[in-house]
Each structure stands twice: as structure tokens, then as C-alpha cells.
Amino acid sequence: MLALILKRLISLPFVILAVTFLTFIIGYFAPGDPILNLMGNQRDQAIYERLRSLYGLDLPWYEQYGRYMAGLAQGDLGLSYRFAQRPVIELIRDGLPVSFLLGLNALLVSLVIGLPLGIIAALRHNTVIERAIMALILGLYAVPGFVLIPLLQWLNYQVYLARGSALPAAGWGRPEHWIMPTIVLAAASLGYIARITRASVLETLGQDYIRTAQSKGLRWARIQWVHLLGNAILPILTVVGPAIAFLVTGAFVVETLFSIPGIGFLSVEAISQRDYPVIQGTTVILALAVVVMNLITDLLYITLDPRVRVDA
């Protein structure tokens, strides 16, 4: 286990290097000038040159990237173009708790509903119940968020017309604001987790140790909880781990359409305003989250499955 942790820690700088370099190069060669976009209608050449010097845009690309990596090594993600030279780390620090709370709520909904649905579908294989569940989860997985959001808002408006009160259509701050974004964000991951759970349980049902436990006369309830679910849940960890990283680091469409001030909303605003330091910062945070969640998933796998522990 220690060797796995050390291996991941050694690979982490190379992951960050690759992510930051690709993000920097894409931003550097992207059309448009972020300083002109920042200045708007004002076209003062002296101010333009001063701002380019302030942000280091008058330097060659390799010097710009070197300065960025030197700052990143010290925890400095640079200054935002759009937010009046505000440090990017402060913007991320303000948006990350919002995205984390939204993603955590969506994750809990996905697991609490998705896991039982997948298990029931597998245990009721080739029945009407399984077909109904599969139709539901495939629909949730297939419908994109930008389609589900207007549908929910339309239903919310119909409730308002009928009752005179409804959920907030956008914004963030009160628990009522969490409901619709959580539903939209959880929908796709719920369907995905349910499908993976069903497939894993079906595969486990065909294993020899399940038939051996049945031949020994063990109660079916005990076989389900001890032998079936205990082994079927392990493959699910490999897909839930990365999904958690993407859920808790921001949902671009959901946060933008619901005006939620999280990492996803910050990223979309930065892209539209060519705020490259913010784009690079949010990309680094997402890469870190994926690497960390993959490491935690591997450690859980080794802890829960003795076979993997022996191989390691």
C-alpha cells in the first residue's frame, strides 16, 4: 500500500505538468487578446502595454509558462484578468465549497437511489420489474442536463401557477436552492451507477462461490448480504471514485444555468472572458481531484479485496 501511495505521489508532478502545459498552450494560441477583451471599448495604448507587462504577456511563451509553474510550486495560481487582478486561488477558494456541497448532495442521491435500483434489477432479472427499472435508468443516463433543466423549471412553474409557491428557479444560499440542481446533477450519475451495479451483481450471481453457498443450505438473505453484495460492490468503486471527483469539483452546465457561484460557473465565465489564469487554475484543481480520488479508490480496493492485497 505504501508503494502505491509513493508511486502516485511521484506521478502527480508529471500529471500536473502535462495538464498545465496543455492548458497553457491552448490558451496561448487561442484567437483573441485577453487584454483587449478586459479593456472593452477603451483603447489606450499606454494602459494596454502596462497591463500586458503586469500579467507577463509581453514575455515569450516559455518564460510565461516558467513563471506560472514557479508560482504554482508556491501555491500561487496567478492573477485573474477579469476580476481586477484578484488572485485566482481566492476565486477558487470561494467557489469550491459551493461546488463541493452541490456535488456531495448529488453523490448521496445517486448512491442512495442508484445502488438499490441496480441491485433490484439484477435480482429480478428478465422480469417486468427489471425492464421498468432499466427504462428509467437509461432515460436518466441519456437525457442531458441542458434538456432536463428546462423541463424541471417548466414543471416548477406549473406548480407555482397551481399553488402560488414553488422552488427558486436559480440562485444559491438557502436549502430550497439545492433541490433542482441536485436532481439534475444526480440524474446522469444515478443511471450510470445503477447500470454498473446491475451488471456487477449479475456477474457475481454466476460465480461458483454463490452456487457453493446455496448448496450448503445457507439462507438466501445471508448469501445476498455476505457473499453477493460484498463482492459485487468492489467493481463499482472503480467508477464511483472518478465520478465523485467530477461531481464535487463543479458541474459546468448545472451551475451556469442555475446561476450557482461554484467552480463550474467560474470556469464558464472565465472561458467566455478569456480569463486564462482562472481556466488553468480550475483545470489544475480538477486534475488533482481526479488523481486523489483514483488513489483513494485503489486504497479502498486493496483494503476490501484480499486478492488484490496479496497481488500488490
Protein backbone atom coordinates (compact mmCIF):
# COMPACT_ATOMS: atom_id res chain seq x y z
CA MET A 1 0.00 0.00 0.00
CA LEU A 2 2.85 2.36 0.82
CA ALA A 3 4.43 1.59 -2.56
CA LEU A 4 1.16 2.50 -4.31
CA ILE A 5 0.96 5.82 -2.47
CA LEU A 6 4.58 6.65 -3.30
CA LYS A 7 4.03 5.73 -6.95
CA ARG A 8 1.03 8.06 -7.18
CA LEU A 9 2.86 10.87 -5.41
CA ILE A 10 5.77 10.52 -7.84
CA SER A 11 3.43 10.59 -10.85
CA LEU A 12 1.48 13.59 -9.55
CA PRO A 13 4.00 16.27 -10.67
CA PHE A 14 4.03 14.79 -14.20
CA VAL A 15 0.22 14.85 -14.33
CA ILE A 16 0.15 18.48 -13.20
CA LEU A 17 2.91 19.35 -15.68
CA ALA A 18 1.01 17.78 -18.59
CA VAL A 19 -2.31 19.40 -17.61
CA THR A 20 -0.85 22.86 -17.10
CA PHE A 21 1.22 22.74 -20.29
CA LEU A 22 -1.71 21.68 -22.49
CA THR A 23 -3.99 24.27 -20.91
CA PHE A 24 -1.36 26.99 -21.29
CA ILE A 25 -0.60 26.18 -24.94
CA ILE A 26 -4.30 26.11 -25.87
CA GLY A 27 -4.79 29.49 -24.20
CA TYR A 28 -1.64 30.96 -25.72
CA PHE A 29 -2.57 30.07 -29.30
CA ALA A 30 -6.30 30.77 -28.90
CA PRO A 31 -7.56 33.63 -31.07
CA GLY A 32 -8.24 36.99 -29.43
CA ASP A 33 -6.41 39.19 -26.96
CA PRO A 34 -7.46 38.89 -23.29
CA ILE A 35 -6.18 42.39 -22.50
CA LEU A 36 -8.26 43.99 -25.26
CA ASN A 37 -11.23 41.99 -24.01
CA LEU A 38 -10.54 43.28 -20.50
CA MET A 39 -10.27 46.92 -21.61
CA GLY A 40 -13.57 46.86 -23.50
CA ASN A 41 -14.17 49.97 -25.56
CA GLN A 42 -11.17 51.77 -24.09
CA ARG A 43 -8.17 51.65 -26.43
CA ASP A 44 -5.40 53.50 -24.60
CA GLN A 45 -2.07 52.11 -25.86
CA ALA A 46 -0.18 53.05 -22.67
CA ILE A 47 -2.69 51.22 -20.47
CA TYR A 48 -2.64 48.28 -22.86
CA GLU A 49 1.15 47.95 -22.67
CA ARG A 50 1.13 48.36 -18.89
CA LEU A 51 -1.46 45.61 -18.45
CA ARG A 52 0.44 43.26 -20.75
CA SER A 53 3.57 43.87 -18.70
CA LEU A 54 1.66 43.39 -15.42
CA TYR A 55 0.40 39.97 -16.46
CA GLY A 56 3.66 39.00 -18.18
CA LEU A 57 2.03 38.67 -21.61
CA ASP A 58 4.85 40.62 -23.22
CA LEU A 59 7.25 37.75 -22.48
CA PRO A 60 7.93 34.75 -24.76
CA TRP A 61 5.63 31.80 -24.16
CA TYR A 62 8.27 29.67 -22.44
CA GLU A 63 9.04 32.45 -19.95
CA GLN A 64 5.34 32.90 -19.26
CA TYR A 65 4.94 29.18 -18.63
CA GLY A 66 8.08 29.08 -16.48
CA ARG A 67 6.78 31.94 -14.32
CA TYR A 68 3.43 30.22 -13.98
CA MET A 69 4.99 26.92 -12.88
CA ALA A 70 7.29 28.71 -10.42
CA GLY A 71 4.24 30.38 -8.87
CA LEU A 72 2.28 27.11 -8.89
CA ALA A 73 5.06 25.43 -6.92
CA GLN A 74 4.46 28.07 -4.22
CA GLY A 75 0.67 27.75 -4.32
CA ASP A 76 0.20 30.85 -6.49
CA LEU A 77 -2.17 30.35 -9.42
CA GLY A 78 -1.68 33.86 -10.76
CA LEU A 79 -4.00 36.86 -11.07
CA SER A 80 -7.39 36.93 -12.76
CA TYR A 81 -7.76 39.15 -15.81
CA ARG A 82 -11.46 39.72 -15.28
CA PHE A 83 -11.73 40.26 -11.53
CA ALA A 84 -9.43 43.29 -11.17
CA GLN A 85 -6.17 41.40 -10.55
CA ARG A 86 -7.75 39.25 -7.84
CA PRO A 87 -5.70 36.11 -7.06
CA VAL A 88 -7.10 33.01 -8.76
CA ILE A 89 -6.64 30.98 -5.58
CA GLU A 90 -9.13 33.28 -3.80
CA LEU A 91 -11.74 32.81 -6.54
CA ILE A 92 -11.34 29.04 -6.35
CA ARG A 93 -11.47 29.14 -2.56
CA ASP A 94 -14.82 30.94 -2.73
CA GLY A 95 -16.32 28.65 -5.36
CA LEU A 96 -15.02 25.27 -4.21
CA PRO A 97 -17.24 24.89 -1.09
CA VAL A 98 -20.34 25.64 -3.18
CA SER A 99 -19.42 23.04 -5.81
CA PHE A 100 -18.43 20.56 -3.10
CA LEU A 101 -21.78 20.89 -1.32
CA LEU A 102 -23.74 20.57 -4.56
CA GLY A 103 -21.66 17.60 -5.70
CA LEU A 104 -21.91 15.89 -2.31
CA ASN A 105 -25.70 16.20 -2.33
CA ALA A 106 -25.85 14.79 -5.86
CA LEU A 107 -23.50 11.96 -4.94
CA LEU A 108 -25.59 10.93 -1.93
CA VAL A 109 -28.76 10.94 -4.03
CA SER A 110 -27.04 8.90 -6.75
CA LEU A 111 -25.78 6.26 -4.33
CA VAL A 112 -28.89 6.03 -2.15
CA ILE A 113 -31.15 5.54 -5.20
CA GLY A 114 -28.80 4.11 -7.84
CA LEU A 115 -27.36 1.22 -5.82
CA PRO A 116 -30.73 -0.24 -4.71
CA LEU A 117 -32.17 0.15 -8.22
CA GLY A 118 -29.24 -1.72 -9.74
CA ILE A 119 -29.43 -4.49 -7.15
CA ILE A 120 -33.20 -4.92 -7.57
CA ALA A 121 -32.87 -5.00 -11.37
CA ALA A 122 -30.23 -7.75 -11.15
CA LEU A 123 -32.15 -9.85 -8.61
CA ARG A 124 -35.34 -9.53 -10.72
CA HIS A 125 -33.55 -10.38 -13.96
CA ASN A 126 -35.79 -10.97 -17.02
CA THR A 127 -38.89 -9.66 -15.26
CA VAL A 128 -41.17 -6.67 -15.77
CA ILE A 129 -39.56 -5.02 -12.75
CA GLU A 130 -36.13 -5.18 -14.34
CA ARG A 131 -37.41 -3.79 -17.65
CA ALA A 132 -39.12 -0.90 -15.89
CA ILE A 133 -36.00 -0.06 -13.87
CA MET A 134 -33.76 -0.30 -16.93
CA ALA A 135 -36.05 2.02 -18.89
CA LEU A 136 -35.90 4.53 -16.03
CA ILE A 137 -32.14 4.48 -15.53
CA LEU A 138 -31.39 4.53 -19.26
CA GLY A 139 -33.65 7.54 -19.60
CA LEU A 140 -31.90 9.34 -16.74
CA TYR A 141 -28.50 8.49 -18.18
CA ALA A 142 -29.39 9.53 -21.72
CA VAL A 143 -31.15 12.86 -21.09
CA PRO A 144 -28.54 15.66 -20.94
CA GLY A 145 -28.65 18.27 -18.22
CA PHE A 146 -29.44 21.16 -20.55
CA VAL A 147 -32.64 19.31 -21.54
CA LEU A 148 -33.60 18.25 -18.03
CA ILE A 149 -33.14 21.74 -16.55
CA PRO A 150 -35.80 23.50 -18.70
CA LEU A 151 -38.15 20.57 -18.11
CA LEU A 152 -37.80 20.87 -14.34
CA GLN A 153 -38.18 24.63 -14.49
CA TRP A 154 -41.36 24.25 -16.56
CA LEU A 155 -42.76 21.77 -14.02
CA ASN A 156 -41.76 24.15 -11.23
CA TYR A 157 -43.63 26.98 -12.98
CA GLN A 158 -46.74 24.80 -13.29
CA VAL A 159 -46.57 24.16 -9.55
CA TYR A 160 -46.30 27.91 -8.98
CA LEU A 161 -49.40 28.53 -11.11
CA ALA A 162 -51.34 25.85 -9.26
CA ARG A 163 -50.22 26.56 -5.69
CA GLY A 164 -48.82 30.08 -5.74
CA SER A 165 -45.42 28.94 -4.47
CA ALA A 166 -42.56 26.94 -5.94
CA LEU A 167 -38.85 26.23 -5.69
CA PRO A 168 -36.39 29.02 -6.60
CA ALA A 169 -35.60 28.90 -10.31
CA ALA A 170 -31.95 29.96 -9.80
CA GLY A 171 -29.51 31.24 -7.20
CA TRP A 172 -27.79 29.79 -4.20
CA GLY A 173 -27.88 30.28 -0.44
CA ARG A 174 -30.95 28.58 1.02
CA PRO A 175 -31.64 24.81 1.12
CA GLU A 176 -34.52 25.31 -1.34
CA HIS A 177 -31.94 26.33 -3.96
CA TRP A 178 -30.26 22.92 -3.70
CA ILE A 179 -33.19 20.75 -4.80
CA MET A 180 -33.43 21.22 -8.57
CA PRO A 181 -29.64 21.44 -9.22
CA THR A 182 -29.11 18.30 -7.14
CA ILE A 183 -31.77 16.41 -9.11
CA VAL A 184 -30.23 17.40 -12.45
CA LEU A 185 -26.65 16.67 -11.38
CA ALA A 186 -27.60 13.34 -9.80
CA ALA A 187 -29.71 12.11 -12.72
CA ALA A 188 -26.93 11.01 -15.09
CA SER A 189 -24.66 9.58 -12.37
CA LEU A 190 -27.64 7.80 -10.79
CA GLY A 191 -28.38 6.00 -14.04
CA TYR A 192 -24.72 5.17 -14.58
CA ILE A 193 -24.23 3.79 -11.06
CA ALA A 194 -27.42 1.74 -11.33
CA ARG A 195 -26.29 0.20 -14.65
CA ILE A 196 -22.85 -0.67 -13.30
CA THR A 197 -24.38 -2.12 -10.11
CA ARG A 198 -26.79 -4.29 -12.09
CA ALA A 199 -24.02 -5.63 -14.33
CA SER A 200 -21.73 -6.34 -11.36
CA VAL A 201 -24.43 -8.14 -9.37
CA LEU A 202 -25.42 -10.25 -12.39
CA GLU A 203 -21.80 -11.25 -12.94
CA THR A 204 -21.38 -12.14 -9.26
CA LEU A 205 -24.54 -14.23 -9.27
CA GLY A 206 -22.90 -16.59 -11.78
CA GLN A 207 -19.78 -17.20 -9.68
CA ASP A 208 -19.02 -20.64 -8.22
CA TYR A 209 -18.92 -19.43 -4.61
CA ILE A 210 -22.55 -18.29 -4.86
CA ARG A 211 -23.63 -21.76 -6.02
CA THR A 212 -21.45 -23.32 -3.30
CA ALA A 213 -23.12 -21.18 -0.64
CA GLN A 214 -26.55 -22.20 -1.95
CA SER A 215 -25.59 -25.90 -1.97
CA LYS A 216 -24.53 -25.61 1.68
CA GLY A 217 -28.06 -24.59 2.55
CA LEU A 218 -27.29 -21.02 3.62
CA ARG A 219 -30.21 -18.65 3.76
CA TRP A 220 -30.65 -16.57 0.62
CA ALA A 221 -30.70 -13.35 2.66
CA ARG A 222 -27.26 -14.22 4.12
CA ILE A 223 -25.91 -15.11 0.67
CA GLN A 224 -27.11 -11.78 -0.67
CA TRP A 225 -25.57 -9.62 2.05
CA VAL A 226 -22.36 -11.50 2.76
CA HIS A 227 -21.34 -13.21 -0.47
CA LEU A 228 -23.19 -11.38 -3.25
CA LEU A 229 -23.20 -7.70 -2.36
CA GLY A 230 -19.84 -7.81 -0.59
CA ASN A 231 -18.13 -8.92 -3.80
CA ALA A 232 -20.36 -7.12 -6.32
CA ILE A 233 -19.74 -3.73 -4.74
CA LEU A 234 -15.97 -3.81 -5.41
CA PRO A 235 -16.04 -3.15 -9.20
CA ILE A 236 -18.40 -0.23 -8.56
CA LEU A 237 -15.65 1.57 -6.64
CA THR A 238 -13.57 1.88 -9.81
CA VAL A 239 -16.25 4.02 -11.47
CA VAL A 240 -17.62 5.82 -8.41
CA GLY A 241 -14.20 7.26 -7.47
CA PRO A 242 -13.61 9.35 -10.62
CA ALA A 243 -17.31 10.23 -10.72
CA ILE A 244 -17.01 11.74 -7.24
CA ALA A 245 -14.14 13.94 -8.43
CA PHE A 246 -16.19 15.38 -11.27
CA LEU A 247 -19.31 15.80 -9.13
CA VAL A 248 -17.64 17.71 -6.30
CA THR A 249 -15.45 19.93 -8.49
CA GLY A 250 -18.26 21.53 -10.37
CA ALA A 251 -20.92 20.87 -12.95
CA PHE A 252 -20.50 23.38 -15.75
CA VAL A 253 -23.97 23.23 -17.27
CA VAL A 254 -25.86 22.93 -13.97
CA GLU A 255 -24.03 25.73 -12.20
CA THR A 256 -24.26 28.04 -15.20
CA LEU A 257 -27.97 27.59 -15.91
CA PHE A 258 -28.91 27.77 -12.23
CA SER A 259 -26.52 30.71 -11.55
CA ILE A 260 -24.68 28.83 -8.81
CA PRO A 261 -21.37 30.53 -7.89
CA GLY A 262 -19.23 27.38 -7.92
CA ILE A 263 -16.18 26.16 -9.82
CA GLY A 264 -18.20 25.23 -12.90
CA PHE A 265 -19.80 28.67 -13.15
CA LEU A 266 -16.41 30.30 -12.58
CA SER A 267 -14.87 28.21 -15.38
CA VAL A 268 -17.58 29.04 -17.90
CA GLU A 269 -17.31 32.75 -17.10
CA ALA A 270 -13.53 32.57 -17.44
CA ILE A 271 -13.78 30.89 -20.84
CA SER A 272 -16.21 33.49 -22.15
CA GLN A 273 -13.94 36.31 -20.91
CA ARG A 274 -10.63 34.67 -21.95
CA ASP A 275 -9.52 34.68 -18.31
CA TYR A 276 -6.76 32.12 -18.88
CA PRO A 277 -5.29 32.08 -15.33
CA VAL A 278 -8.70 31.11 -13.93
CA ILE A 279 -9.13 28.42 -16.62
CA GLN A 280 -5.71 26.98 -15.77
CA GLY A 281 -6.43 27.10 -12.05
CA THR A 282 -9.75 25.27 -12.26
CA THR A 283 -8.20 22.69 -14.60
CA VAL A 284 -5.42 22.01 -12.10
CA ILE A 285 -7.96 21.61 -9.27
CA LEU A 286 -9.97 19.12 -11.35
CA ALA A 287 -6.84 17.13 -12.24
CA LEU A 288 -5.81 16.99 -8.58
CA ALA A 289 -9.29 15.83 -7.57
CA VAL A 290 -9.24 13.01 -10.14
CA VAL A 291 -5.77 11.84 -9.09
CA VAL A 292 -6.66 11.91 -5.38
CA MET A 293 -9.96 10.08 -5.88
CA ASN A 294 -8.26 7.42 -8.01
CA LEU A 295 -5.71 6.92 -5.24
CA ILE A 296 -8.43 6.63 -2.58
CA THR A 297 -10.32 4.16 -4.79
CA ASP A 298 -7.23 1.98 -5.21
CA LEU A 299 -6.56 2.02 -1.47
CA LEU A 300 -10.15 1.01 -0.73
CA TYR A 301 -9.93 -1.76 -3.30
CA ILE A 302 -6.76 -3.13 -1.70
CA THR A 303 -8.30 -2.87 1.77
CA LEU A 304 -11.60 -4.57 0.87
CA ASP A 305 -10.34 -7.26 -1.51
CA PRO A 306 -7.71 -9.64 -0.07
CA ARG A 307 -6.86 -10.94 -3.57
CA VAL A 308 -5.72 -7.50 -4.71
CA ARG A 309 -3.82 -7.06 -1.45
CA VAL A 310 -1.89 -10.31 -1.98
CA ASP A 311 -1.05 -9.38 -5.60
CA ALA A 312 0.12 -5.94 -4.50
